[in-house]
């Protein structure tokens, strides 16, 4: 079908003709009309009022919103408008608003933004409505809304045209209201614990703080490459060195990696750092935070995600990396889980690609991610990670091959990562050098050597624990959303193919 002959384009053309006629009559998208009430407020306050009460004490209101329904019936008509709080019905009579205004209303389209003045009453069916005495078109909509009873059901269109999705799908609007409440709660929770919210650079000289491939940009004035941050960690720990013993940042980070239902190149993360604490303190803090958050949002601590029950009122399970691998892979020899040759053979049997320079710690985590991660349905802390894959974490006092680190998993995915911070500058120097060797072998995710961060550690970082929580994944869990794109207002998508 030719582009100009498509039904939606014919509708747009018809609306443009209407707009041209309105312009000829002096319509200029007016901005002088104000409202005194929202639909939701009117329902909360007056839903129990009878017509007798309204006749005894008339309630005049000024309302405005997007017209979602329209029923023209001779000399009387109904319309429903939608604002940020909900919907309210309008009742128009030609004799009340005048013939010119009423005829104009009949030519309006669904999606138009309108203003009305009138008094509240109840229809014969008992619906709270506004009996209109004056009405004005504020914004002419040129694009037709999706079909009334089906809304915007195509997922791809929802993501690419989020503005339309929000107009027609209350469930989508509710997801983002809940997201806002989650972030507000986290801020209040940490502020009450005397944490200080800070802001650190989004463009950085070195892409440190996480094992990830960065985005590169160029600063014209400085004449140098800069990197969009992959994590704020090293800057936040510099602040702990400076004396801010409890800091956090709800930050946007960027990783030049794949796109999936769980990954978006641009994402929101909470990072916090707490001096004079270790990873066990953070595990208790995180558990209580999630429990309190669920109670605040839903009044309960038992949730359902994609048909699976999650209980926040019970202590989260704790298991080491090696224990978790042994549980899911009983055929493996638990006494050889640090043996490089044995792990290479195990990876081969599991069809896991092995990098030439990968050590036993890296291979152990590859096996964990392939065979264990998706099985962790109930809230589970996985602890005792290999030092090889944790270049910023403190070595375990009991076993230097490991670090004091945990990750929280539930519903088969990672939600949070925390550890006791490495505050030994000489050990950190060695770890950075090891990362540089990995980069020389072609590892694009290896960390660069950060000289200034080593200098900061040499001034002295107190014993500190740090925690990162993926806000997007947390919102997914708490809104029962299957894809990260459902909880991002404008997710990154592959280029749209032109027909």
Protein backbone atom coordinates (compact mmCIF):
# COMPACT_ATOMS: atom_id res chain seq x y z
CA UNK A 1 0.00 0.00 0.00
CA UNK A 2 1.39 3.40 -0.95
CA UNK A 3 2.45 5.60 1.95
CA UNK A 4 -0.14 8.30 1.21
CA UNK A 5 -2.96 5.76 0.90
CA UNK A 6 -2.52 4.18 4.32
CA UNK A 7 -5.64 4.59 6.50
CA UNK A 8 -3.73 6.32 9.30
CA UNK A 9 -2.30 8.87 6.89
CA UNK A 10 -5.77 9.65 5.56
CA UNK A 11 -6.90 10.25 9.15
CA UNK A 12 -3.93 12.55 9.72
CA UNK A 13 -4.78 14.45 6.54
CA UNK A 14 -8.37 14.90 7.72
CA UNK A 15 -7.16 16.23 11.06
CA UNK A 16 -4.77 18.62 9.37
CA UNK A 17 -7.70 20.02 7.38
CA UNK A 18 -9.59 20.55 10.63
CA UNK A 19 -6.57 22.33 12.11
CA UNK A 20 -6.30 24.55 9.04
CA UNK A 21 -9.94 25.52 9.43
CA UNK A 22 -9.42 26.24 13.11
CA UNK A 23 -6.42 28.43 12.33
CA UNK A 24 -8.53 30.35 9.83
CA UNK A 25 -11.03 31.00 12.62
CA UNK A 26 -8.27 32.31 14.90
CA UNK A 27 -7.32 29.14 16.82
CA UNK A 28 -3.72 29.43 18.04
CA UNK A 29 -3.22 26.70 20.67
CA UNK A 30 -4.40 28.89 23.59
CA UNK A 31 -2.60 28.88 26.94
CA UNK A 32 -4.86 31.07 29.06
CA UNK A 33 -7.19 28.41 30.49
CA UNK A 34 -6.48 27.00 33.96
CA UNK A 35 -8.03 24.15 35.92
CA UNK A 36 -9.05 23.93 39.54
CA UNK A 37 -9.42 20.18 39.95
CA UNK A 38 -8.06 16.82 38.82
CA UNK A 39 -10.26 13.87 37.89
CA UNK A 40 -8.88 11.67 40.63
CA UNK A 41 -9.44 14.33 43.27
CA UNK A 42 -13.06 14.78 42.20
CA UNK A 43 -13.73 11.06 42.47
CA UNK A 44 -12.07 10.83 45.89
CA UNK A 45 -14.00 13.75 47.33
CA UNK A 46 -17.38 13.48 45.60
CA UNK A 47 -17.91 9.84 44.64
CA UNK A 48 -20.36 9.41 47.53
CA UNK A 49 -22.29 12.64 46.90
CA UNK A 50 -25.85 12.42 45.61
CA UNK A 51 -27.53 14.73 43.11
CA UNK A 52 -29.54 16.15 45.99
CA UNK A 53 -26.28 17.16 47.70
CA UNK A 54 -24.98 18.75 44.50
CA UNK A 55 -28.26 20.67 44.03
CA UNK A 56 -28.13 21.92 47.61
CA UNK A 57 -24.48 23.02 47.29
CA UNK A 58 -23.38 23.28 43.64
CA UNK A 59 -19.72 22.46 42.99
CA UNK A 60 -18.20 24.33 40.06
CA UNK A 61 -14.99 22.93 38.60
CA UNK A 62 -12.54 23.75 35.85
CA UNK A 63 -11.04 20.61 34.35
CA UNK A 64 -8.72 19.84 31.46
CA UNK A 65 -7.23 16.78 29.81
CA UNK A 66 -7.04 14.57 26.76
CA UNK A 67 -10.38 13.49 25.24
CA UNK A 68 -10.44 9.67 25.31
CA UNK A 69 -14.08 8.97 24.41
CA UNK A 70 -16.80 10.95 22.63
CA UNK A 71 -20.48 10.12 22.18
CA UNK A 72 -22.50 12.62 20.13
CA UNK A 73 -26.27 12.17 20.52
CA UNK A 74 -28.19 14.96 18.85
CA UNK A 75 -28.58 17.87 21.26
CA UNK A 76 -26.64 16.20 24.10
CA UNK A 77 -23.28 14.47 24.14
CA UNK A 78 -20.81 12.78 26.46
CA UNK A 79 -17.03 12.83 26.49
CA UNK A 80 -14.36 11.48 28.82
CA UNK A 81 -11.17 13.38 29.48
CA UNK A 82 -8.02 12.01 31.05
CA UNK A 83 -5.50 13.90 33.17
CA UNK A 84 -2.55 12.68 35.23
CA UNK A 85 -4.82 11.41 37.99
CA UNK A 86 -7.51 9.56 36.04
CA UNK A 87 -10.64 10.20 33.99
CA UNK A 88 -13.83 12.21 34.43
CA UNK A 89 -16.92 12.26 32.25
CA UNK A 90 -18.24 15.46 30.66
CA UNK A 91 -21.90 16.03 29.74
CA UNK A 92 -22.66 18.68 27.11
CA UNK A 93 -25.99 20.10 26.02
CA UNK A 94 -26.32 22.35 22.99
CA UNK A 95 -28.67 24.69 24.83
CA UNK A 96 -26.21 25.01 27.71
CA UNK A 97 -22.94 25.62 25.85
CA UNK A 98 -24.41 27.31 22.78
CA UNK A 99 -24.85 26.05 19.22
CA UNK A 100 -21.47 27.32 17.94
CA UNK A 101 -19.50 25.69 20.76
CA UNK A 102 -21.51 22.48 20.50
CA UNK A 103 -20.99 22.19 16.75
CA UNK A 104 -17.30 22.81 17.30
CA UNK A 105 -17.18 20.00 19.87
CA UNK A 106 -18.75 17.57 17.42
CA UNK A 107 -15.79 18.16 15.10
CA UNK A 108 -13.16 17.43 17.74
CA UNK A 109 -11.26 14.14 17.68
CA UNK A 110 -10.15 11.61 20.24
CA UNK A 111 -6.75 12.66 21.54
CA UNK A 112 -7.54 16.38 21.46
CA UNK A 113 -6.70 18.23 24.66
CA UNK A 114 -9.66 20.21 25.96
CA UNK A 115 -10.76 22.44 28.84
CA UNK A 116 -14.20 22.63 30.42
CA UNK A 117 -16.04 24.58 33.10
CA UNK A 118 -19.15 23.21 34.74
CA UNK A 119 -20.81 21.76 37.83
CA UNK A 120 -20.71 18.26 39.23
CA UNK A 121 -23.72 15.95 39.03
CA UNK A 122 -24.62 12.31 38.64
CA UNK A 123 -25.97 10.77 35.46
CA UNK A 124 -28.92 8.36 35.43
CA UNK A 125 -26.43 5.51 35.68
CA UNK A 126 -24.86 7.13 38.74
CA UNK A 127 -21.58 8.19 37.15
CA UNK A 128 -19.95 11.32 38.56
CA UNK A 129 -19.79 13.85 35.72
CA UNK A 130 -19.29 17.50 34.89
CA UNK A 131 -22.29 19.30 33.40
CA UNK A 132 -20.45 21.62 31.03
CA UNK A 133 -21.38 25.25 30.55
CA UNK A 134 -18.19 26.32 28.75
CA UNK A 135 -15.64 24.33 26.77
CA UNK A 136 -12.47 25.10 24.79
CA UNK A 137 -10.13 23.16 22.52
CA UNK A 138 -6.56 23.68 23.75
CA UNK A 139 -4.45 21.37 21.57
CA UNK A 140 -5.44 19.75 18.29
CA UNK A 141 -4.14 16.17 18.02
CA UNK A 142 -3.06 15.30 14.50
CA UNK A 143 -2.21 11.65 15.11
CA UNK A 144 -5.08 9.22 15.82
CA UNK A 145 -4.89 7.18 19.01
CA UNK A 146 -4.75 3.37 18.79
CA UNK A 147 -8.05 1.55 18.53
CA UNK A 148 -10.19 2.28 21.57
CA UNK A 149 -10.68 -1.18 23.00
CA UNK A 150 -7.27 -2.63 22.21
CA UNK A 151 -4.92 0.21 23.06
CA UNK A 152 -1.29 -0.03 22.04
CA UNK A 153 -0.63 -3.76 22.25
CA UNK A 154 2.43 -4.13 20.02
CA UNK A 155 5.49 -4.25 22.31
CA UNK A 156 7.86 -2.73 19.79
CA UNK A 157 5.53 0.24 19.28
CA UNK A 158 5.21 0.68 23.04
CA UNK A 159 8.97 1.08 23.35
CA UNK A 160 9.44 3.30 20.30
CA UNK A 161 6.41 5.52 20.98
CA UNK A 162 6.30 5.53 24.77
CA UNK A 163 4.24 8.73 24.73
CA UNK A 164 1.39 6.86 23.00
CA UNK A 165 1.78 3.89 25.34
CA UNK A 166 1.43 6.21 28.35
CA UNK A 167 -1.67 7.86 26.88
CA UNK A 168 -3.59 4.64 26.35
CA UNK A 169 -2.21 2.12 28.88
CA UNK A 170 -2.84 2.77 32.56
CA UNK A 171 -0.70 -0.26 33.44
CA UNK A 172 2.33 1.38 31.81
CA UNK A 173 1.72 4.63 33.66
CA UNK A 174 1.52 2.71 36.93
CA UNK A 175 4.88 1.01 36.33
CA UNK A 176 6.61 4.37 36.13
CA UNK A 177 4.76 5.75 39.13
CA UNK A 178 6.02 2.76 41.11
CA UNK A 179 9.53 3.31 39.76
CA UNK A 180 9.49 6.87 41.06
CA UNK A 181 8.26 5.68 44.46
CA UNK A 182 11.06 3.10 44.63
CA UNK A 183 13.74 5.72 44.05
CA UNK A 184 12.10 8.11 46.54
CA UNK A 185 11.96 5.37 49.18
CA UNK A 186 15.61 4.42 48.71
CA UNK A 187 16.66 8.03 49.09
CA UNK A 188 14.61 8.47 52.25
CA UNK A 189 15.87 5.19 53.69
CA UNK A 190 19.54 6.09 53.19
CA UNK A 191 19.10 9.72 54.25
CA UNK A 192 17.61 8.47 57.53
CA UNK A 193 20.81 6.46 58.05
CA UNK A 194 22.89 9.64 57.69
CA UNK A 195 24.14 8.82 54.20
CA UNK A 196 25.07 11.79 52.02
CA UNK A 197 23.84 11.82 48.43
CA UNK A 198 26.53 13.03 46.04
CA UNK A 199 27.16 13.43 42.32
CA UNK A 200 30.28 12.22 40.54
CA UNK A 201 31.44 12.70 36.94
CA UNK A 202 29.58 10.95 34.12
CA UNK A 203 32.46 11.68 31.74
CA UNK A 204 35.67 10.24 33.10
CA UNK A 205 39.33 10.22 32.13
CA UNK A 206 39.55 6.49 32.84
CA UNK A 207 36.65 3.99 32.66
CA UNK A 208 37.15 2.38 36.07
CA UNK A 209 34.94 0.82 38.72
CA UNK A 210 33.64 -2.21 36.83
CA UNK A 211 34.68 -4.87 34.34
CA UNK A 212 32.88 -3.49 31.29
CA UNK A 213 33.46 -2.07 27.82
CA UNK A 214 33.01 1.74 27.87
CA UNK A 215 31.58 4.27 25.46
CA UNK A 216 34.17 6.76 24.21
CA UNK A 217 33.56 10.44 23.48
CA UNK A 218 35.81 13.39 22.71
CA UNK A 219 36.14 16.67 24.62
CA UNK A 220 36.98 19.40 22.13
CA UNK A 221 38.18 22.00 24.64
CA UNK A 222 40.41 19.54 26.50
CA UNK A 223 41.46 17.86 23.24
CA UNK A 224 41.22 14.38 24.68
CA UNK A 225 39.10 11.27 24.76
CA UNK A 226 36.73 10.83 27.69
CA UNK A 227 34.68 7.81 28.72
CA UNK A 228 31.06 7.60 29.81
CA UNK A 229 31.24 6.06 33.25
CA UNK A 230 30.74 2.34 33.64
CA UNK A 231 30.40 2.84 37.42
CA UNK A 232 30.90 5.66 39.94
CA UNK A 233 32.82 3.44 42.38
CA UNK A 234 36.32 4.89 42.33
CA UNK A 235 35.07 8.47 42.73
CA UNK A 236 32.78 7.54 45.60
CA UNK A 237 35.62 5.80 47.43
CA UNK A 238 37.78 8.89 46.95
CA UNK A 239 35.07 10.72 48.89
CA UNK A 240 35.29 8.18 51.72
CA UNK A 241 39.03 8.86 51.81
CA UNK A 242 38.14 12.55 52.09
CA UNK A 243 35.99 11.94 55.18
CA UNK A 244 32.47 11.40 53.82
CA UNK A 245 32.05 8.08 55.61
CA UNK A 246 28.56 7.33 54.28
CA UNK A 247 27.90 8.30 50.66
CA UNK A 248 25.59 7.16 47.90
CA UNK A 249 24.73 8.06 44.34
CA UNK A 250 21.72 7.05 42.27
CA UNK A 251 23.50 7.27 38.98
CA UNK A 252 23.25 6.73 35.27
CA UNK A 253 25.98 4.41 34.00
CA UNK A 254 26.83 3.26 30.49
CA UNK A 255 28.27 0.01 29.21
CA UNK A 256 28.93 -0.60 25.54
CA UNK A 257 27.64 -4.14 25.59
CA UNK A 258 24.66 -6.20 24.45
CA UNK A 259 20.95 -5.41 24.54
CA UNK A 260 18.57 -7.97 26.02
CA UNK A 261 15.54 -8.31 28.27
CA UNK A 262 17.90 -7.75 31.22
CA UNK A 263 20.46 -5.35 29.75
CA UNK A 264 20.30 -1.81 28.41
CA UNK A 265 23.48 0.13 27.49
CA UNK A 266 22.31 3.04 29.67
CA UNK A 267 21.01 2.05 33.10
CA UNK A 268 20.34 3.33 36.60
CA UNK A 269 22.25 2.04 39.59
CA UNK A 270 22.48 2.79 43.29
CA UNK A 271 25.99 2.70 44.71
CA UNK A 272 26.66 3.31 48.39
CA UNK A 273 29.75 3.15 50.58
CA UNK A 274 29.82 2.70 54.33
CA UNK A 275 33.01 3.13 56.36
CA UNK A 276 33.84 0.81 59.26
CA UNK A 277 31.69 -2.01 57.87
CA UNK A 278 32.18 -5.23 55.93
CA UNK A 279 30.10 -7.16 53.41
CA UNK A 280 27.99 -8.87 56.09
CA UNK A 281 26.76 -5.49 57.33
CA UNK A 282 25.66 -4.63 53.80
CA UNK A 283 23.89 -7.96 53.37
CA UNK A 284 21.80 -7.21 56.45
CA UNK A 285 21.20 -3.62 55.26
CA UNK A 286 20.10 -4.76 51.79
CA UNK A 287 17.78 -7.41 53.14
CA UNK A 288 16.07 -4.92 55.43
CA UNK A 289 15.90 -2.30 52.66
CA UNK A 290 14.09 -4.68 50.30
CA UNK A 291 11.73 -5.86 53.03
CA UNK A 292 10.89 -2.29 54.04
CA UNK A 293 10.48 -1.23 50.41
CA UNK A 294 7.99 -4.02 49.68
CA UNK A 295 5.99 -3.19 52.79
CA UNK A 296 5.93 0.50 51.87
CA UNK A 297 4.77 -0.13 48.29
CA UNK A 298 2.39 -3.03 48.74
CA UNK A 299 1.78 -3.52 52.45
CA UNK A 300 3.26 -7.01 52.29
CA UNK A 301 6.61 -8.78 51.93
CA UNK A 302 5.50 -11.62 49.66
CA UNK A 303 5.59 -10.81 45.95
CA UNK A 304 5.00 -12.68 42.72
CA UNK A 305 7.34 -12.24 39.77
CA UNK A 306 6.32 -13.92 36.51
CA UNK A 307 4.34 -16.53 38.44
CA UNK A 308 7.06 -17.20 41.00
CA UNK A 309 6.65 -16.29 44.67
CA UNK A 310 9.38 -14.22 46.30
CA UNK A 311 9.43 -13.91 50.09
CA UNK A 312 11.27 -10.99 51.62
CA UNK A 313 10.17 -11.73 55.18
CA UNK A 314 12.40 -14.80 55.46
CA UNK A 315 16.21 -14.64 55.84
CA UNK A 316 17.86 -14.81 52.43
CA UNK A 317 19.80 -17.97 51.74
CA UNK A 318 23.61 -17.68 51.77
CA UNK A 319 25.88 -19.98 49.76
CA UNK A 320 29.42 -19.68 48.41
CA UNK A 321 30.26 -19.75 44.70
CA UNK A 322 31.93 -23.13 45.02
CA UNK A 323 29.03 -24.59 47.04
CA UNK A 324 26.50 -23.36 44.48
CA UNK A 325 28.48 -24.88 41.60
CA UNK A 326 28.75 -28.20 43.44
CA UNK A 327 24.97 -28.25 44.02
CA UNK A 328 24.15 -27.78 40.35
CA UNK A 329 27.04 -29.88 39.01
CA UNK A 330 27.33 -32.98 41.21
CA UNK A 331 29.58 -34.65 38.62
CA UNK A 332 32.35 -32.10 39.27
CA UNK A 333 35.16 -32.90 41.69
CA UNK A 334 34.77 -30.23 44.40
CA UNK A 335 38.40 -30.72 45.37
CA UNK A 336 39.57 -29.50 41.96
CA UNK A 337 37.49 -26.36 41.51
CA UNK A 338 40.65 -24.24 41.56
CA UNK A 339 42.63 -26.49 39.23
CA UNK A 340 43.13 -24.66 35.93
CA UNK A 341 43.48 -27.76 33.73
CA UNK A 342 40.49 -29.44 35.36
CA UNK A 343 38.35 -26.32 34.91
CA UNK A 344 39.40 -26.03 31.27
CA UNK A 345 38.20 -29.58 30.65
CA UNK A 346 34.96 -28.89 32.55
CA UNK A 347 34.31 -25.78 30.45
CA UNK A 348 34.87 -27.82 27.31
CA UNK A 349 32.26 -30.37 28.39
CA UNK A 350 29.83 -27.53 29.14
CA UNK A 351 30.46 -25.77 25.78
CA UNK A 352 31.87 -22.72 27.53
CA UNK A 353 34.41 -20.77 25.42
CA UNK A 354 37.75 -20.44 27.21
CA UNK A 355 40.03 -17.45 26.73
CA UNK A 356 43.70 -18.33 26.45
CA UNK A 357 44.72 -16.12 29.37
CA UNK A 358 41.81 -17.01 31.69
CA UNK A 359 42.79 -18.23 35.13
CA UNK A 360 40.89 -20.64 37.39
CA UNK A 361 38.89 -17.86 39.05
CA UNK A 362 37.59 -16.62 35.70
CA UNK A 363 36.68 -20.15 34.57
CA UNK A 364 34.95 -20.88 37.87
CA UNK A 365 32.68 -17.87 37.36
CA UNK A 366 32.03 -18.89 33.73
CA UNK A 367 30.76 -22.25 35.02
CA UNK A 368 28.69 -20.48 37.68
CA UNK A 369 27.05 -18.18 35.15
CA UNK A 370 26.33 -21.04 32.74
CA UNK A 371 24.97 -23.61 35.19
CA UNK A 372 23.90 -21.88 38.41
CA UNK A 373 22.69 -18.31 37.94
CA UNK A 374 19.37 -19.09 36.26
CA UNK A 375 18.55 -21.67 38.93
CA UNK A 376 18.66 -19.13 41.75
CA UNK A 377 14.95 -18.36 41.95
CA UNK A 378 14.55 -17.54 45.63
CA UNK A 379 16.48 -14.61 47.17
CA UNK A 380 20.02 -15.94 47.57
CA UNK A 381 23.32 -14.36 48.57
CA UNK A 382 26.21 -15.96 46.68
CA UNK A 383 29.46 -15.25 48.52
CA UNK A 384 33.22 -15.86 48.40
CA UNK A 385 34.12 -14.87 44.83
CA UNK A 386 37.56 -15.49 43.32
CA UNK A 387 39.95 -12.56 43.63
CA UNK A 388 40.76 -12.91 39.94
CA UNK A 389 37.33 -11.53 38.94
CA UNK A 390 37.07 -9.00 41.78
CA UNK A 391 39.92 -6.51 41.34
CA UNK A 392 38.50 -3.91 43.75
CA UNK A 393 37.46 -6.21 46.61
CA UNK A 394 39.37 -7.07 49.78
CA UNK A 395 40.99 -10.49 49.96
CA UNK A 396 39.50 -12.89 52.51
CA UNK A 397 41.55 -13.15 55.69
CA UNK A 398 40.85 -16.90 55.78
CA UNK A 399 41.53 -17.63 52.09
CA UNK A 400 43.43 -15.06 49.99
CA UNK A 401 42.31 -16.82 46.77
CA UNK A 402 38.86 -15.40 47.55
CA UNK A 403 37.50 -11.95 48.34
CA UNK A 404 34.88 -10.71 50.81
CA UNK A 405 32.21 -10.28 48.17
CA UNK A 406 28.58 -11.24 47.59
CA UNK A 407 25.98 -10.95 44.87
CA UNK A 408 22.23 -11.11 45.46
CA UNK A 409 20.25 -13.27 43.04
CA UNK A 410 16.54 -13.86 42.71
CA UNK A 411 14.29 -14.94 39.85
CA UNK A 412 17.38 -16.25 38.10
CA UNK A 413 19.21 -12.93 37.80
CA UNK A 414 21.67 -10.74 39.66
CA UNK A 415 20.13 -7.82 41.52
CA UNK A 416 22.98 -6.46 43.65
CA UNK A 417 26.74 -6.72 44.14
CA UNK A 418 28.66 -5.81 47.27
CA UNK A 419 31.98 -6.35 48.98
CA UNK A 420 34.45 -5.21 51.56
CA UNK A 421 36.58 -2.69 49.71
CA UNK A 422 40.23 -3.25 48.98
CA UNK A 423 42.00 -0.48 50.91
CA UNK A 424 45.57 -1.80 50.67
CA UNK A 425 47.19 0.46 48.03
CA UNK A 426 49.98 -2.01 47.25
CA UNK A 427 47.55 -4.88 46.70
CA UNK A 428 45.38 -2.58 44.55
CA UNK A 429 48.45 -1.62 42.54
CA UNK A 430 49.13 -5.30 41.86
CA UNK A 431 45.49 -5.95 40.89
CA UNK A 432 45.50 -3.03 38.46
CA UNK A 433 48.66 -4.37 36.85
CA UNK A 434 47.01 -7.77 36.45
CA UNK A 435 44.07 -6.06 34.77
CA UNK A 436 46.42 -4.31 32.37
CA UNK A 437 47.90 -7.68 31.45
CA UNK A 438 44.39 -8.93 30.71
CA UNK A 439 43.81 -5.88 28.50
CA UNK A 440 47.03 -6.64 26.62
CA UNK A 441 45.61 -10.11 25.92
CA UNK A 442 42.57 -8.47 24.29
CA UNK A 443 40.12 -8.25 27.20
CA UNK A 444 38.10 -5.12 26.36
CA UNK A 445 36.41 -5.21 29.78
CA UNK A 446 39.59 -5.15 31.87
CA UNK A 447 40.16 -2.08 34.05
CA UNK A 448 42.84 0.52 33.30
CA UNK A 449 45.50 1.44 35.82
CA UNK A 450 44.27 4.46 37.79
CA UNK A 451 47.26 6.29 39.25
CA UNK A 452 45.21 8.93 41.03
CA UNK A 453 43.04 6.32 42.72
CA UNK A 454 46.16 4.58 44.02
CA UNK A 455 47.34 7.96 45.34
CA UNK A 456 43.99 8.40 47.12
CA UNK A 457 44.36 4.96 48.76
CA UNK A 458 47.85 5.92 49.92
CA UNK A 459 46.27 8.70 51.98
CA UNK A 460 44.25 5.99 53.71
CA UNK A 461 40.81 4.49 53.03
CA UNK A 462 39.16 3.31 56.25
CA UNK A 463 37.75 -0.23 56.31
CA UNK A 464 34.77 0.22 53.99
CA UNK A 465 32.01 -1.81 52.39
CA UNK A 466 30.34 -0.92 49.09
CA UNK A 467 27.07 -1.97 47.50
CA UNK A 468 25.59 -1.61 44.02
CA UNK A 469 21.93 -2.26 43.22
CA UNK A 470 20.50 -2.33 39.69
CA UNK A 471 17.50 -0.03 39.96
CA UNK A 472 16.05 -1.13 36.62
CA UNK A 473 16.09 -4.81 37.59
CA UNK A 474 14.67 -3.97 41.00
CA UNK A 475 11.78 -2.15 39.33
CA UNK A 476 11.24 -5.15 37.05
CA UNK A 477 10.86 -7.41 40.07
CA UNK A 478 8.54 -5.10 41.97
CA UNK A 479 6.29 -4.39 38.97
CA UNK A 480 6.28 -7.96 37.59
CA UNK A 481 7.76 -6.71 34.30
CA UNK A 482 9.36 -9.38 32.10
CA UNK A 483 11.74 -7.06 30.22
CA UNK A 484 13.99 -4.19 31.27
CA UNK A 485 12.46 -2.23 28.39
CA UNK A 486 9.14 -2.26 30.23
CA UNK A 487 10.63 -0.19 33.08
CA UNK A 488 12.66 2.27 30.98
CA UNK A 489 10.72 5.17 29.57
CA UNK A 490 12.85 5.32 26.45
CA UNK A 491 14.88 2.09 26.06
CA UNK A 492 17.59 1.75 23.45
CA UNK A 493 16.42 -0.24 20.44
CA UNK A 494 17.91 -1.45 17.24
CA UNK A 495 17.31 0.85 14.25
CA UNK A 496 13.80 0.52 12.88
CA UNK A 497 13.67 -1.08 9.46
CA UNK A 498 12.01 1.05 6.83
CA UNK A 499 9.34 -0.79 4.82
